[in-house]
């Protein structure tokens, strides 16, 4: 093992769904991120290793590394992942933020004494919870739509009181409290619509924790940031903006649900908006 050893892992293409169907809406973007990262680290002369699901093994030729371990449907994914982080000096993890997937994989990597180049556990804990994320933004004085968490089976009256007291107003957004997959998002325009969506979600029985927030009309974007520690203030960091990314989210009235269709980068912003983003990063 040398100081240049790095394990670069992406969950969707790397065997995280080895026993179930791979979600096609996330596969293309996940593999693209893996390919781009491997390309960048290859140019820096790193010795790179990665995992790939056997069903997309034919895509291995697009990855600039010879050290590719296949994950089969009969394999233990967790064991495969653990073996890779234990044999690597550095690691970089890309994984879904729902159901504690990213948190648990990062925790395993840290326990193996692998040097982590992706998010630490504290940042993941904030980022995977929409209400913690909202509270953090408010604390940092960043503009955010008013957001409340609620339990689908316990807080229905609470939500209706918030609307009645005009703490939040139609149109509203209801979405899962954890995760950033762009799915299971619902636009609510009236009390009748609210009752229908709550009934629909209860019948689905997929989860109970949601957030409800004011709807903000606009373009769906995200920011890719590179953060470094701020030794003077442990609650903050220095951030460099790498890119603005465009996401495509489709809202289906027929299916009463949203679907993430992928995205592209970079997305070109106008100078006034770019200047405003930089001003927030400097805080």
C-alpha atoms as a PDB file:
ATOM      1  CA  UNK A   1       0.000   0.000   0.000  1.00  0.00           C
ATOM      2  CA  UNK A   2       1.422   3.402  -1.004  1.00  0.00           C
ATOM      3  CA  UNK A   3       0.360   6.952  -0.106  1.00  0.00           C
ATOM      4  CA  UNK A   4      -1.172   7.162  -3.588  1.00  0.00           C
ATOM      5  CA  UNK A   5      -3.632   4.273  -3.083  1.00  0.00           C
ATOM      6  CA  UNK A   6      -7.256   5.416  -3.286  1.00  0.00           C
ATOM      7  CA  UNK A   7     -10.565   3.547  -3.289  1.00  0.00           C
ATOM      8  CA  UNK A   8     -13.199   5.519  -5.225  1.00  0.00           C
ATOM      9  CA  UNK A   9     -16.694   4.163  -4.677  1.00  0.00           C
ATOM     10  CA  UNK A  10     -20.129   4.992  -6.092  1.00  0.00           C
ATOM     11  CA  UNK A  11     -23.030   3.085  -4.545  1.00  0.00           C
ATOM     12  CA  UNK A  12     -25.462   2.699  -7.479  1.00  0.00           C
ATOM     13  CA  UNK A  13     -22.926   1.353  -9.979  1.00  0.00           C
ATOM     14  CA  UNK A  14     -20.701  -0.228  -7.334  1.00  0.00           C
ATOM     15  CA  UNK A  15     -22.933  -3.075  -6.182  1.00  0.00           C
ATOM     16  CA  UNK A  16     -25.043  -1.365  -3.532  1.00  0.00           C
ATOM     17  CA  UNK A  17     -28.154  -2.771  -5.229  1.00  0.00           C
ATOM     18  CA  UNK A  18     -26.583  -6.142  -6.078  1.00  0.00           C
ATOM     19  CA  UNK A  19     -29.604  -8.125  -4.819  1.00  0.00           C
ATOM     20  CA  UNK A  20     -32.342  -5.926  -6.347  1.00  0.00           C
ATOM     21  CA  UNK A  21     -32.964  -3.993  -9.563  1.00  0.00           C
ATOM     22  CA  UNK A  22     -30.638  -1.043 -10.146  1.00  0.00           C
ATOM     23  CA  UNK A  23     -32.657   2.235 -10.243  1.00  0.00           C
ATOM     24  CA  UNK A  24     -32.141   3.410 -13.820  1.00  0.00           C
ATOM     25  CA  UNK A  25     -32.905   7.046 -12.962  1.00  0.00           C
ATOM     26  CA  UNK A  26     -29.810   7.166 -10.736  1.00  0.00           C
ATOM     27  CA  UNK A  27     -27.445   4.767 -12.540  1.00  0.00           C
ATOM     28  CA  UNK A  28     -26.359   7.041 -15.398  1.00  0.00           C
ATOM     29  CA  UNK A  29     -25.541   9.939 -13.120  1.00  0.00           C
ATOM     30  CA  UNK A  30     -23.851   7.713 -10.534  1.00  0.00           C
ATOM     31  CA  UNK A  31     -21.615   6.010 -13.078  1.00  0.00           C
ATOM     32  CA  UNK A  32     -20.787   9.369 -14.687  1.00  0.00           C
ATOM     33  CA  UNK A  33     -19.566  10.689 -11.325  1.00  0.00           C
ATOM     34  CA  UNK A  34     -17.477   7.547 -10.795  1.00  0.00           C
ATOM     35  CA  UNK A  35     -15.945   7.794 -14.262  1.00  0.00           C
ATOM     36  CA  UNK A  36     -15.124  11.496 -13.885  1.00  0.00           C
ATOM     37  CA  UNK A  37     -13.501  11.055 -10.475  1.00  0.00           C
ATOM     38  CA  UNK A  38     -11.397   8.112 -11.627  1.00  0.00           C
ATOM     39  CA  UNK A  39     -10.295  10.114 -14.662  1.00  0.00           C
ATOM     40  CA  UNK A  40      -9.237  13.067 -12.479  1.00  0.00           C
ATOM     41  CA  UNK A  41      -7.306  10.957  -9.960  1.00  0.00           C
ATOM     42  CA  UNK A  42      -5.722   8.964 -12.790  1.00  0.00           C
ATOM     43  CA  UNK A  43      -4.286  12.191 -14.181  1.00  0.00           C
ATOM     44  CA  UNK A  44      -2.759  12.812 -10.743  1.00  0.00           C
ATOM     45  CA  UNK A  45      -1.051   9.376 -10.908  1.00  0.00           C
ATOM     46  CA  UNK A  46      -3.061   7.734  -8.128  1.00  0.00           C
ATOM     47  CA  UNK A  47      -3.328   3.948  -7.904  1.00  0.00           C
ATOM     48  CA  UNK A  48      -7.119   3.619  -8.073  1.00  0.00           C
ATOM     49  CA  UNK A  49      -9.424   0.774  -7.069  1.00  0.00           C
ATOM     50  CA  UNK A  50     -13.210   0.570  -7.330  1.00  0.00           C
ATOM     51  CA  UNK A  51     -16.226  -1.760  -7.217  1.00  0.00           C
ATOM     52  CA  UNK A  52     -18.675  -2.416 -10.044  1.00  0.00           C
ATOM     53  CA  UNK A  53     -21.963  -4.303 -10.211  1.00  0.00           C
ATOM     54  CA  UNK A  54     -21.575  -7.415 -12.406  1.00  0.00           C
ATOM     55  CA  UNK A  55     -24.643  -6.395 -14.467  1.00  0.00           C
ATOM     56  CA  UNK A  56     -22.790  -3.338 -15.792  1.00  0.00           C
ATOM     57  CA  UNK A  57     -19.334  -4.901 -15.922  1.00  0.00           C
ATOM     58  CA  UNK A  58     -19.224  -4.128 -19.668  1.00  0.00           C
ATOM     59  CA  UNK A  59     -18.851  -0.441 -18.708  1.00  0.00           C
ATOM     60  CA  UNK A  60     -15.528  -1.155 -16.978  1.00  0.00           C
ATOM     61  CA  UNK A  61     -13.663  -0.256 -20.173  1.00  0.00           C
ATOM     62  CA  UNK A  62     -14.675   3.384 -19.587  1.00  0.00           C
ATOM     63  CA  UNK A  63     -12.892   3.455 -16.215  1.00  0.00           C
ATOM     64  CA  UNK A  64      -9.201   4.375 -16.219  1.00  0.00           C
ATOM     65  CA  UNK A  65      -8.082   1.756 -13.733  1.00  0.00           C
ATOM     66  CA  UNK A  66      -7.205  -1.914 -13.857  1.00  0.00           C
ATOM     67  CA  UNK A  67      -8.143  -2.582 -10.231  1.00  0.00           C
ATOM     68  CA  UNK A  68     -11.890  -3.183 -10.567  1.00  0.00           C
ATOM     69  CA  UNK A  69     -13.588  -5.704  -8.291  1.00  0.00           C
ATOM     70  CA  UNK A  70     -16.939  -7.106  -9.459  1.00  0.00           C
ATOM     71  CA  UNK A  71     -19.878  -7.405  -7.038  1.00  0.00           C
ATOM     72  CA  UNK A  72     -22.146 -10.345  -7.873  1.00  0.00           C
ATOM     73  CA  UNK A  73     -25.718 -10.930  -6.747  1.00  0.00           C
ATOM     74  CA  UNK A  74     -24.508 -13.742  -4.484  1.00  0.00           C
ATOM     75  CA  UNK A  75     -21.824 -11.595  -2.825  1.00  0.00           C
ATOM     76  CA  UNK A  76     -22.083  -9.807   0.501  1.00  0.00           C
ATOM     77  CA  UNK A  77     -21.861  -6.176  -0.559  1.00  0.00           C
ATOM     78  CA  UNK A  78     -20.854  -5.034   2.937  1.00  0.00           C
ATOM     79  CA  UNK A  79     -17.981  -7.523   3.000  1.00  0.00           C
ATOM     80  CA  UNK A  80     -16.779  -6.432  -0.440  1.00  0.00           C
ATOM     81  CA  UNK A  81     -16.860  -2.793   0.621  1.00  0.00           C
ATOM     82  CA  UNK A  82     -15.070  -3.477   3.926  1.00  0.00           C
ATOM     83  CA  UNK A  83     -12.282  -5.380   2.157  1.00  0.00           C
ATOM     84  CA  UNK A  84     -11.699  -2.460  -0.214  1.00  0.00           C
ATOM     85  CA  UNK A  85     -11.469   0.241   2.449  1.00  0.00           C
ATOM     86  CA  UNK A  86      -9.181  -1.909   4.599  1.00  0.00           C
ATOM     87  CA  UNK A  87      -6.718  -2.304   1.725  1.00  0.00           C
ATOM     88  CA  UNK A  88      -6.677   1.392   0.737  1.00  0.00           C
ATOM     89  CA  UNK A  89      -4.880   4.386   2.201  1.00  0.00           C
ATOM     90  CA  UNK A  90      -7.442   6.911   0.938  1.00  0.00           C
ATOM     91  CA  UNK A  91     -11.112   6.613   0.044  1.00  0.00           C
ATOM     92  CA  UNK A  92     -13.821   8.729  -1.532  1.00  0.00           C
ATOM     93  CA  UNK A  93     -17.443   7.643  -1.133  1.00  0.00           C
ATOM     94  CA  UNK A  94     -20.480   8.631  -3.203  1.00  0.00           C
ATOM     95  CA  UNK A  95     -23.730   7.114  -1.909  1.00  0.00           C
ATOM     96  CA  UNK A  96     -27.421   7.949  -1.343  1.00  0.00           C
ATOM     97  CA  UNK A  97     -28.141  10.027   1.720  1.00  0.00           C
ATOM     98  CA  UNK A  98     -31.378   8.219   2.598  1.00  0.00           C
ATOM     99  CA  UNK A  99     -31.716   5.332   5.082  1.00  0.00           C
ATOM    100  CA  UNK A 100     -28.279   6.172   6.562  1.00  0.00           C
ATOM    101  CA  UNK A 101     -26.512   4.485   3.621  1.00  0.00           C
ATOM    102  CA  UNK A 102     -23.836   7.168   3.209  1.00  0.00           C
ATOM    103  CA  UNK A 103     -23.443   7.554   6.978  1.00  0.00           C
ATOM    104  CA  UNK A 104     -22.944   3.819   7.600  1.00  0.00           C
ATOM    105  CA  UNK A 105     -20.453   3.376   4.746  1.00  0.00           C
ATOM    106  CA  UNK A 106     -18.471   6.412   5.869  1.00  0.00           C
ATOM    107  CA  UNK A 107     -18.416   5.111   9.437  1.00  0.00           C
ATOM    108  CA  UNK A 108     -17.012   1.778   8.197  1.00  0.00           C
ATOM    109  CA  UNK A 109     -14.297   3.567   6.244  1.00  0.00           C
ATOM    110  CA  UNK A 110     -13.276   5.654   9.256  1.00  0.00           C
ATOM    111  CA  UNK A 111     -13.138   2.581  11.511  1.00  0.00           C
ATOM    112  CA  UNK A 112     -10.743   0.945   9.051  1.00  0.00           C
ATOM    113  CA  UNK A 113      -8.390   3.952   9.457  1.00  0.00           C
ATOM    114  CA  UNK A 114      -8.862   4.891   5.817  1.00  0.00           C
ATOM    115  CA  UNK A 115      -8.276   8.614   5.186  1.00  0.00           C
ATOM    116  CA  UNK A 116     -11.604  10.042   4.046  1.00  0.00           C
ATOM    117  CA  UNK A 117     -11.727  12.523   1.161  1.00  0.00           C
ATOM    118  CA  UNK A 118     -15.534  12.793   1.076  1.00  0.00           C
ATOM    119  CA  UNK A 119     -17.961  14.190   3.674  1.00  0.00           C
ATOM    120  CA  UNK A 120     -17.383  13.550   7.369  1.00  0.00           C
ATOM    121  CA  UNK A 121     -20.050  12.091   9.649  1.00  0.00           C
ATOM    122  CA  UNK A 122     -21.166  15.432  11.108  1.00  0.00           C
ATOM    123  CA  UNK A 123     -21.785  16.913   7.662  1.00  0.00           C
ATOM    124  CA  UNK A 124     -23.644  13.777   6.535  1.00  0.00           C
ATOM    125  CA  UNK A 125     -25.840  13.875   9.641  1.00  0.00           C
ATOM    126  CA  UNK A 126     -26.894  17.435   8.783  1.00  0.00           C
ATOM    127  CA  UNK A 127     -27.158  16.884   5.045  1.00  0.00           C
ATOM    128  CA  UNK A 128     -29.297  13.754   5.194  1.00  0.00           C
ATOM    129  CA  UNK A 129     -31.954  15.388   7.383  1.00  0.00           C
ATOM    130  CA  UNK A 130     -33.949  18.149   5.695  1.00  0.00           C
ATOM    131  CA  UNK A 131     -35.023  19.647   9.022  1.00  0.00           C
ATOM    132  CA  UNK A 132     -31.455  19.668  10.404  1.00  0.00           C
ATOM    133  CA  UNK A 133     -30.301  21.138   7.109  1.00  0.00           C
ATOM    134  CA  UNK A 134     -32.992  23.836   7.338  1.00  0.00           C
ATOM    135  CA  UNK A 135     -32.078  24.678  10.950  1.00  0.00           C
ATOM    136  CA  UNK A 136     -28.392  24.894   9.992  1.00  0.00           C
ATOM    137  CA  UNK A 137     -29.165  27.269   7.099  1.00  0.00           C
ATOM    138  CA  UNK A 138     -31.290  29.475   9.364  1.00  0.00           C
ATOM    139  CA  UNK A 139     -28.475  29.566  11.935  1.00  0.00           C
ATOM    140  CA  UNK A 140     -26.071  30.618   9.162  1.00  0.00           C
ATOM    141  CA  UNK A 141     -28.605  33.274   8.012  1.00  0.00           C
ATOM    142  CA  UNK A 142     -29.073  31.670   4.603  1.00  0.00           C
ATOM    143  CA  UNK A 143     -32.472  32.223   2.923  1.00  0.00           C
ATOM    144  CA  UNK A 144     -34.582  29.065   3.081  1.00  0.00           C
ATOM    145  CA  UNK A 145     -38.280  28.245   2.585  1.00  0.00           C
ATOM    146  CA  UNK A 146     -40.077  27.832   5.895  1.00  0.00           C
ATOM    147  CA  UNK A 147     -39.968  24.124   6.752  1.00  0.00           C
ATOM    148  CA  UNK A 148     -41.651  21.910   9.361  1.00  0.00           C
ATOM    149  CA  UNK A 149     -41.206  18.222  10.045  1.00  0.00           C
ATOM    150  CA  UNK A 150     -44.206  16.005  10.644  1.00  0.00           C
ATOM    151  CA  UNK A 151     -45.096  12.388  11.243  1.00  0.00           C
ATOM    152  CA  UNK A 152     -47.635  11.130   8.720  1.00  0.00           C
ATOM    153  CA  UNK A 153     -49.597   9.238  11.382  1.00  0.00           C
ATOM    154  CA  UNK A 154     -49.305  11.620  14.353  1.00  0.00           C
ATOM    155  CA  UNK A 155     -49.050  15.213  13.134  1.00  0.00           C
ATOM    156  CA  UNK A 156     -51.844  15.638  10.571  1.00  0.00           C
ATOM    157  CA  UNK A 157     -53.739  18.057  12.854  1.00  0.00           C
ATOM    158  CA  UNK A 158     -50.514  19.984  13.532  1.00  0.00           C
ATOM    159  CA  UNK A 159     -50.015  20.598   9.807  1.00  0.00           C
ATOM    160  CA  UNK A 160     -53.584  21.781   9.314  1.00  0.00           C
ATOM    161  CA  UNK A 161     -53.200  24.199  12.239  1.00  0.00           C
ATOM    162  CA  UNK A 162     -50.001  25.595  10.715  1.00  0.00           C
ATOM    163  CA  UNK A 163     -51.902  26.260   7.498  1.00  0.00           C
ATOM    164  CA  UNK A 164     -54.895  27.719   9.337  1.00  0.00           C
ATOM    165  CA  UNK A 165     -52.632  30.075  11.316  1.00  0.00           C
ATOM    166  CA  UNK A 166     -50.826  30.983   8.055  1.00  0.00           C
ATOM    167  CA  UNK A 167     -47.454  29.791   9.342  1.00  0.00           C
ATOM    168  CA  UNK A 168     -47.184  28.192   5.905  1.00  0.00           C
ATOM    169  CA  UNK A 169     -49.318  28.868   2.840  1.00  0.00           C
ATOM    170  CA  UNK A 170     -50.410  27.119  -0.322  1.00  0.00           C
ATOM    171  CA  UNK A 171     -48.876  26.049  -2.597  1.00  0.00           C
ATOM    172  CA  UNK A 172     -46.811  23.701  -0.422  1.00  0.00           C
ATOM    173  CA  UNK A 173     -44.285  20.925  -0.888  1.00  0.00           C
ATOM    174  CA  UNK A 174     -44.420  17.599   0.963  1.00  0.00           C
ATOM    175  CA  UNK A 175     -41.345  15.363   0.698  1.00  0.00           C
ATOM    176  CA  UNK A 176     -39.436  12.745   2.752  1.00  0.00           C
ATOM    177  CA  UNK A 177     -37.464  14.078   5.706  1.00  0.00           C
ATOM    178  CA  UNK A 178     -34.341  12.184   4.662  1.00  0.00           C
ATOM    179  CA  UNK A 179     -32.663  11.748   1.293  1.00  0.00           C
ATOM    180  CA  UNK A 180     -32.015  13.927  -1.744  1.00  0.00           C
ATOM    181  CA  UNK A 181     -33.109  11.636  -4.578  1.00  0.00           C
ATOM    182  CA  UNK A 182     -35.744  13.983  -6.000  1.00  0.00           C
ATOM    183  CA  UNK A 183     -38.452  11.338  -5.576  1.00  0.00           C
ATOM    184  CA  UNK A 184     -41.686  11.216  -3.567  1.00  0.00           C
ATOM    185  CA  UNK A 185     -42.108  15.011  -3.772  1.00  0.00           C
ATOM    186  CA  UNK A 186     -45.661  16.368  -3.879  1.00  0.00           C
ATOM    187  CA  UNK A 187     -46.995  19.831  -4.712  1.00  0.00           C
ATOM    188  CA  UNK A 188     -50.040  20.677  -2.564  1.00  0.00           C
ATOM    189  CA  UNK A 189     -52.273  23.521  -3.744  1.00  0.00           C
ATOM    190  CA  UNK A 190     -55.339  23.282  -1.474  1.00  0.00           C
ATOM    191  CA  UNK A 191     -56.823  21.603   1.609  1.00  0.00           C
ATOM    192  CA  UNK A 192     -58.485  19.004  -0.605  1.00  0.00           C
ATOM    193  CA  UNK A 193     -55.143  18.302  -2.258  1.00  0.00           C
ATOM    194  CA  UNK A 194     -53.498  18.009   1.178  1.00  0.00           C
ATOM    195  CA  UNK A 195     -56.079  15.460   2.379  1.00  0.00           C
ATOM    196  CA  UNK A 196     -55.655  13.446  -0.819  1.00  0.00           C
ATOM    197  CA  UNK A 197     -51.834  13.359  -0.603  1.00  0.00           C
ATOM    198  CA  UNK A 198     -51.808  12.397   3.088  1.00  0.00           C
ATOM    199  CA  UNK A 199     -54.259   9.556   2.378  1.00  0.00           C
ATOM    200  CA  UNK A 200     -52.158   8.459  -0.613  1.00  0.00           C
ATOM    201  CA  UNK A 201     -48.923   8.418   1.437  1.00  0.00           C
ATOM    202  CA  UNK A 202     -50.547   6.465   4.254  1.00  0.00           C
ATOM    203  CA  UNK A 203     -51.725   3.832   1.771  1.00  0.00           C
ATOM    204  CA  UNK A 204     -48.191   3.541   0.326  1.00  0.00           C
ATOM    205  CA  UNK A 205     -46.762   2.786   3.808  1.00  0.00           C
ATOM    206  CA  UNK A 206     -43.199   3.525   2.675  1.00  0.00           C
ATOM    207  CA  UNK A 207     -42.220   5.918   5.468  1.00  0.00           C
ATOM    208  CA  UNK A 208     -43.714   8.124   8.161  1.00  0.00           C
ATOM    209  CA  UNK A 209     -41.306  11.067   8.481  1.00  0.00           C
ATOM    210  CA  UNK A 210     -41.869  13.962   6.071  1.00  0.00           C
ATOM    211  CA  UNK A 211     -41.343  17.695   5.874  1.00  0.00           C
ATOM    212  CA  UNK A 212     -43.760  20.309   4.617  1.00  0.00           C
ATOM    213  CA  UNK A 213     -42.486  23.634   3.323  1.00  0.00           C
ATOM    214  CA  UNK A 214     -43.416  26.658   1.269  1.00  0.00           C
ATOM    215  CA  UNK A 215     -43.158  26.069  -2.471  1.00  0.00           C
ATOM    216  CA  UNK A 216     -40.598  28.239  -4.261  1.00  0.00           C
ATOM    217  CA  UNK A 217     -41.053  28.486  -8.014  1.00  0.00           C
ATOM    218  CA  UNK A 218     -37.842  28.356 -10.005  1.00  0.00           C
ATOM    219  CA  UNK A 219     -35.189  26.205 -11.663  1.00  0.00           C
ATOM    220  CA  UNK A 220     -34.020  23.049  -9.850  1.00  0.00           C
ATOM    221  CA  UNK A 221     -30.297  23.536  -9.198  1.00  0.00           C
ATOM    222  CA  UNK A 222     -27.601  22.272  -6.857  1.00  0.00           C
ATOM    223  CA  UNK A 223     -24.084  23.443  -6.037  1.00  0.00           C
ATOM    224  CA  UNK A 224     -20.914  21.372  -5.937  1.00  0.00           C
ATOM    225  CA  UNK A 225     -18.649  22.725  -3.208  1.00  0.00           C
ATOM    226  CA  UNK A 226     -15.151  21.882  -2.031  1.00  0.00           C
ATOM    227  CA  UNK A 227     -14.836  22.491   1.699  1.00  0.00           C
ATOM    228  CA  UNK A 228     -11.765  22.744   3.902  1.00  0.00           C
ATOM    229  CA  UNK A 229     -11.620  23.005   7.673  1.00  0.00           C
ATOM    230  CA  UNK A 230     -11.735  26.371   9.402  1.00  0.00           C
ATOM    231  CA  UNK A 231      -9.382  25.997  12.370  1.00  0.00           C
ATOM    232  CA  UNK A 232     -10.644  29.257  13.883  1.00  0.00           C
ATOM    233  CA  UNK A 233     -14.281  28.147  13.914  1.00  0.00           C
ATOM    234  CA  UNK A 234     -15.123  24.428  14.109  1.00  0.00           C
ATOM    235  CA  UNK A 235     -18.767  25.108  13.179  1.00  0.00           C
ATOM    236  CA  UNK A 236     -17.818  26.506   9.763  1.00  0.00           C
ATOM    237  CA  UNK A 237     -15.514  25.780   6.841  1.00  0.00           C
ATOM    238  CA  UNK A 238     -14.003  27.455   3.822  1.00  0.00           C
ATOM    239  CA  UNK A 239     -15.954  26.654   0.657  1.00  0.00           C
ATOM    240  CA  UNK A 240     -14.967  26.869  -2.982  1.00  0.00           C
ATOM    241  CA  UNK A 241     -17.686  26.694  -5.630  1.00  0.00           C
ATOM    242  CA  UNK A 242     -16.794  24.075  -8.245  1.00  0.00           C
ATOM    243  CA  UNK A 243     -19.977  24.065 -10.308  1.00  0.00           C
ATOM    244  CA  UNK A 244     -23.707  24.768 -10.459  1.00  0.00           C
ATOM    245  CA  UNK A 245     -25.700  21.744 -11.612  1.00  0.00           C
ATOM    246  CA  UNK A 246     -29.126  21.458 -13.239  1.00  0.00           C
ATOM    247  CA  UNK A 247     -31.556  18.749 -12.080  1.00  0.00           C
ATOM    248  CA  UNK A 248     -34.600  17.542 -13.982  1.00  0.00           C
ATOM    249  CA  UNK A 249     -37.517  16.525 -11.744  1.00  0.00           C
ATOM    250  CA  UNK A 250     -40.776  15.428 -13.359  1.00  0.00           C
ATOM    251  CA  UNK A 251     -44.055  15.822 -11.459  1.00  0.00           C
ATOM    252  CA  UNK A 252     -46.682  13.328 -12.562  1.00  0.00           C
ATOM    253  CA  UNK A 253     -50.280  14.224 -11.766  1.00  0.00           C
ATOM    254  CA  UNK A 254     -51.354  10.731 -12.820  1.00  0.00           C
ATOM    255  CA  UNK A 255     -48.958   8.911 -10.472  1.00  0.00           C
ATOM    256  CA  UNK A 256     -49.191  11.607  -7.757  1.00  0.00           C
ATOM    257  CA  UNK A 257     -45.425  11.457  -7.424  1.00  0.00           C
ATOM    258  CA  UNK A 258     -42.180  12.963  -8.674  1.00  0.00           C
ATOM    259  CA  UNK A 259     -39.417  11.283 -10.625  1.00  0.00           C
ATOM    260  CA  UNK A 260     -35.772  12.286 -10.899  1.00  0.00           C
ATOM    261  CA  UNK A 261     -34.744  12.204 -14.570  1.00  0.00           C
ATOM    262  CA  UNK A 262     -31.081  13.142 -14.157  1.00  0.00           C
ATOM    263  CA  UNK A 263     -29.161  16.343 -14.669  1.00  0.00           C
ATOM    264  CA  UNK A 264     -26.180  18.037 -16.236  1.00  0.00           C
ATOM    265  CA  UNK A 265     -23.273  20.256 -15.265  1.00  0.00           C
ATOM    266  CA  UNK A 266     -22.218  22.994 -15.469  1.00  0.00           C
ATOM    267  CA  UNK A 267     -25.275  25.222 -15.520  1.00  0.00           C
ATOM    268  CA  UNK A 268     -24.433  28.801 -16.458  1.00  0.00           C
ATOM    269  CA  UNK A 269     -25.726  31.438 -14.053  1.00  0.00           C
ATOM    270  CA  UNK A 270     -26.145  35.138 -14.700  1.00  0.00           C
ATOM    271  CA  UNK A 271     -23.624  37.440 -13.030  1.00  0.00           C
ATOM    272  CA  UNK A 272     -26.048  38.856 -10.374  1.00  0.00           C
ATOM    273  CA  UNK A 273     -27.033  35.400  -9.098  1.00  0.00           C
ATOM    274  CA  UNK A 274     -23.444  34.137  -9.185  1.00  0.00           C
ATOM    275  CA  UNK A 275     -22.350  37.180  -7.177  1.00  0.00           C
ATOM    276  CA  UNK A 276     -25.067  36.485  -4.587  1.00  0.00           C
ATOM    277  CA  UNK A 277     -23.948  32.835  -4.207  1.00  0.00           C
ATOM    278  CA  UNK A 278     -20.336  33.916  -3.656  1.00  0.00           C
ATOM    279  CA  UNK A 279     -21.489  36.369  -1.000  1.00  0.00           C
ATOM    280  CA  UNK A 280     -23.162  33.520   0.932  1.00  0.00           C
ATOM    281  CA  UNK A 281     -20.030  31.363   0.675  1.00  0.00           C
ATOM    282  CA  UNK A 282     -17.931  34.132   2.184  1.00  0.00           C
ATOM    283  CA  UNK A 283     -20.067  34.270   5.357  1.00  0.00           C
END
